[in-house]
Amino acid sequence: MSRVRCTSIRFDIDDPIGMKAWEYLHTMDKKKFKSFSHAVSVALADYFDRYYDEKNKTSEKQDLANLVADEVIERFKKILPEYTEGFNARIVSDTAEETADGNANIDWDFIGAG
């Protein structure tokens, strides 16, 4: 039983890519490529190998970027409370008084006389 699969390819020579592909097939090195089928097979395999390799590299780069971002966020969560723990409470108590309705009554005297 033959392991050959057949298909037909049509080239639209009004389309620049179709015309370029047609020209390559008709000017290919006959010593390197045995037939149109061989040339098309090599071209398709090479194209999709590079396509999927690049897609995987992009995915790996994105995964690495996400890992780095997550690690930075986690470290900031651990470090920032040490530096800001008393800072926010001191600012609020120094500059504002809470009114009965829960809103801050800010002392605007620090701006100066108008």
C-alpha atoms as a PDB file:
ATOM      1  CA  MET A   1       0.000   0.000   0.000  1.00  0.00           C
ATOM      2  CA  SER A   2       1.335   3.401  -0.958  1.00  0.00           C
ATOM      3  CA  ARG A   3       2.082   5.934   1.798  1.00  0.00           C
ATOM      4  CA  VAL A   4       1.661   8.881  -0.598  1.00  0.00           C
ATOM      5  CA  ARG A   5      -1.044  11.484  -0.022  1.00  0.00           C
ATOM      6  CA  CYS A   6      -2.183  13.682  -2.895  1.00  0.00           C
ATOM      7  CA  THR A   7      -3.433  17.237  -2.886  1.00  0.00           C
ATOM      8  CA  SER A   8      -3.520  20.050  -5.365  1.00  0.00           C
ATOM      9  CA  ILE A   9      -2.224  23.555  -4.889  1.00  0.00           C
ATOM     10  CA  ARG A  10      -3.463  26.563  -6.792  1.00  0.00           C
ATOM     11  CA  PHE A  11      -1.448  29.769  -7.029  1.00  0.00           C
ATOM     12  CA  ASP A  12      -3.150  33.098  -7.568  1.00  0.00           C
ATOM     13  CA  ILE A  13      -0.546  34.945  -9.625  1.00  0.00           C
ATOM     14  CA  ASP A  14      -2.416  38.225  -9.027  1.00  0.00           C
ATOM     15  CA  ASP A  15      -1.500  37.843  -5.341  1.00  0.00           C
ATOM     16  CA  PRO A  16       2.152  38.842  -4.666  1.00  0.00           C
ATOM     17  CA  ILE A  17       2.729  35.877  -2.345  1.00  0.00           C
ATOM     18  CA  GLY A  18       1.164  33.434  -4.794  1.00  0.00           C
ATOM     19  CA  MET A  19       3.268  34.837  -7.635  1.00  0.00           C
ATOM     20  CA  LYS A  20       6.433  34.662  -5.514  1.00  0.00           C
ATOM     21  CA  ALA A  21       5.745  31.015  -4.581  1.00  0.00           C
ATOM     22  CA  TRP A  22       5.077  30.130  -8.233  1.00  0.00           C
ATOM     23  CA  GLU A  23       8.334  31.786  -9.305  1.00  0.00           C
ATOM     24  CA  TYR A  24      10.309  29.964  -6.608  1.00  0.00           C
ATOM     25  CA  LEU A  25       8.927  26.606  -7.707  1.00  0.00           C
ATOM     26  CA  HIS A  26       9.833  27.301 -11.329  1.00  0.00           C
ATOM     27  CA  THR A  27      13.313  28.627 -10.600  1.00  0.00           C
ATOM     28  CA  MET A  28      14.284  26.212  -7.792  1.00  0.00           C
ATOM     29  CA  ASP A  29      17.571  24.339  -7.765  1.00  0.00           C
ATOM     30  CA  LYS A  30      16.655  20.988  -9.340  1.00  0.00           C
ATOM     31  CA  LYS A  31      19.719  19.359  -7.786  1.00  0.00           C
ATOM     32  CA  LYS A  32      18.604  20.293  -4.277  1.00  0.00           C
ATOM     33  CA  PHE A  33      14.851  19.759  -4.704  1.00  0.00           C
ATOM     34  CA  LYS A  34      13.765  16.576  -6.495  1.00  0.00           C
ATOM     35  CA  SER A  35      10.281  17.835  -7.371  1.00  0.00           C
ATOM     36  CA  PHE A  36       7.627  20.449  -6.677  1.00  0.00           C
ATOM     37  CA  SER A  37       6.257  18.130  -3.996  1.00  0.00           C
ATOM     38  CA  HIS A  38       9.633  17.888  -2.303  1.00  0.00           C
ATOM     39  CA  ALA A  39      10.140  21.665  -2.413  1.00  0.00           C
ATOM     40  CA  VAL A  40       6.664  22.329  -1.007  1.00  0.00           C
ATOM     41  CA  SER A  41       7.165  19.704   1.722  1.00  0.00           C
ATOM     42  CA  VAL A  42      10.508  21.214   2.768  1.00  0.00           C
ATOM     43  CA  ALA A  43       9.085  24.743   2.705  1.00  0.00           C
ATOM     44  CA  LEU A  44       5.982  23.843   4.739  1.00  0.00           C
ATOM     45  CA  ALA A  45       7.925  21.839   7.300  1.00  0.00           C
ATOM     46  CA  ASP A  46      10.486  24.637   7.724  1.00  0.00           C
ATOM     47  CA  TYR A  47       7.833  27.340   7.950  1.00  0.00           C
ATOM     48  CA  PHE A  48       5.743  25.564  10.570  1.00  0.00           C
ATOM     49  CA  ASP A  49       8.797  24.427  12.572  1.00  0.00           C
ATOM     50  CA  ARG A  50       9.865  28.067  12.887  1.00  0.00           C
ATOM     51  CA  TYR A  51       6.276  29.212  13.524  1.00  0.00           C
ATOM     52  CA  TYR A  52       5.705  26.795  16.409  1.00  0.00           C
ATOM     53  CA  ASP A  53       9.214  27.314  17.821  1.00  0.00           C
ATOM     54  CA  GLU A  54       8.612  31.072  17.944  1.00  0.00           C
ATOM     55  CA  LYS A  55       5.163  30.570  19.428  1.00  0.00           C
ATOM     56  CA  ASN A  56       6.632  28.330  22.143  1.00  0.00           C
ATOM     57  CA  LYS A  57       9.445  30.812  22.838  1.00  0.00           C
ATOM     58  CA  THR A  58       6.919  33.642  23.138  1.00  0.00           C
ATOM     59  CA  SER A  59       4.837  31.530  25.500  1.00  0.00           C
ATOM     60  CA  GLU A  60       7.932  30.648  27.557  1.00  0.00           C
ATOM     61  CA  LYS A  61       8.964  34.326  27.704  1.00  0.00           C
ATOM     62  CA  GLN A  62       5.467  35.299  28.865  1.00  0.00           C
ATOM     63  CA  ASP A  63       5.511  32.540  31.491  1.00  0.00           C
ATOM     64  CA  LEU A  64       8.887  33.762  32.745  1.00  0.00           C
ATOM     65  CA  ALA A  65       7.675  37.379  32.827  1.00  0.00           C
ATOM     66  CA  ASN A  66       4.616  36.316  34.836  1.00  0.00           C
ATOM     67  CA  LEU A  67       6.781  34.363  37.275  1.00  0.00           C
ATOM     68  CA  VAL A  68       9.081  37.347  37.784  1.00  0.00           C
ATOM     69  CA  ALA A  69       6.143  39.735  38.230  1.00  0.00           C
ATOM     70  CA  ASP A  70       4.480  37.407  40.739  1.00  0.00           C
ATOM     71  CA  GLU A  71       7.708  37.081  42.703  1.00  0.00           C
ATOM     72  CA  VAL A  72       8.230  40.858  42.773  1.00  0.00           C
ATOM     73  CA  ILE A  73       4.667  41.384  43.977  1.00  0.00           C
ATOM     74  CA  GLU A  74       5.050  38.788  46.726  1.00  0.00           C
ATOM     75  CA  ARG A  75       8.311  40.327  47.908  1.00  0.00           C
ATOM     76  CA  PHE A  76       6.788  43.812  47.981  1.00  0.00           C
ATOM     77  CA  LYS A  77       3.873  42.477  50.004  1.00  0.00           C
ATOM     78  CA  LYS A  78       6.365  41.126  52.546  1.00  0.00           C
ATOM     79  CA  ILE A  79       8.632  44.198  52.625  1.00  0.00           C
ATOM     80  CA  LEU A  80       6.252  47.161  52.353  1.00  0.00           C
ATOM     81  CA  PRO A  81       4.343  46.646  55.593  1.00  0.00           C
ATOM     82  CA  GLU A  82       7.666  46.946  57.482  1.00  0.00           C
ATOM     83  CA  TYR A  83       8.254  50.396  56.033  1.00  0.00           C
ATOM     84  CA  THR A  84       4.710  51.707  55.979  1.00  0.00           C
ATOM     85  CA  GLU A  85       3.225  50.186  59.133  1.00  0.00           C
ATOM     86  CA  GLY A  86       3.367  53.288  61.338  1.00  0.00           C
ATOM     87  CA  PHE A  87       3.623  55.788  58.524  1.00  0.00           C
ATOM     88  CA  ASN A  88      -0.046  55.804  57.415  1.00  0.00           C
ATOM     89  CA  ALA A  89      -1.398  55.887  60.952  1.00  0.00           C
ATOM     90  CA  ARG A  90       0.860  58.837  61.854  1.00  0.00           C
ATOM     91  CA  ILE A  91      -0.174  60.845  58.784  1.00  0.00           C
ATOM     92  CA  VAL A  92      -3.895  60.336  59.435  1.00  0.00           C
ATOM     93  CA  SER A  93      -3.651  61.229  63.123  1.00  0.00           C
ATOM     94  CA  ASP A  94      -1.450  64.297  62.448  1.00  0.00           C
ATOM     95  CA  THR A  95      -3.537  65.787  59.643  1.00  0.00           C
ATOM     96  CA  ALA A  96      -7.141  64.714  60.126  1.00  0.00           C
ATOM     97  CA  GLU A  97      -9.740  64.206  62.751  1.00  0.00           C
ATOM     98  CA  GLU A  98     -12.623  61.877  62.138  1.00  0.00           C
ATOM     99  CA  THR A  99     -16.064  63.445  62.457  1.00  0.00           C
ATOM    100  CA  ALA A 100     -19.163  61.722  63.845  1.00  0.00           C
ATOM    101  CA  ASP A 101     -20.263  60.586  60.360  1.00  0.00           C
ATOM    102  CA  GLY A 102     -16.899  58.839  59.759  1.00  0.00           C
ATOM    103  CA  ASN A 103     -15.507  61.391  57.285  1.00  0.00           C
ATOM    104  CA  ALA A 104     -12.088  62.878  57.838  1.00  0.00           C
ATOM    105  CA  ASN A 105     -12.045  66.464  59.023  1.00  0.00           C
ATOM    106  CA  ILE A 106      -8.737  67.593  57.527  1.00  0.00           C
ATOM    107  CA  ASP A 107      -6.853  70.479  59.100  1.00  0.00           C
ATOM    108  CA  TRP A 108      -6.024  72.642  56.083  1.00  0.00           C
ATOM    109  CA  ASP A 109      -3.967  75.179  58.121  1.00  0.00           C
ATOM    110  CA  PHE A 110      -0.770  73.667  56.774  1.00  0.00           C
ATOM    111  CA  ILE A 111      -1.487  75.394  53.439  1.00  0.00           C
ATOM    112  CA  GLY A 112      -1.132  78.854  54.957  1.00  0.00           C
ATOM    113  CA  ALA A 113      -3.282  81.940  55.111  1.00  0.00           C
ATOM    114  CA  GLY A 114      -5.075  82.783  51.901  1.00  0.00           C
END
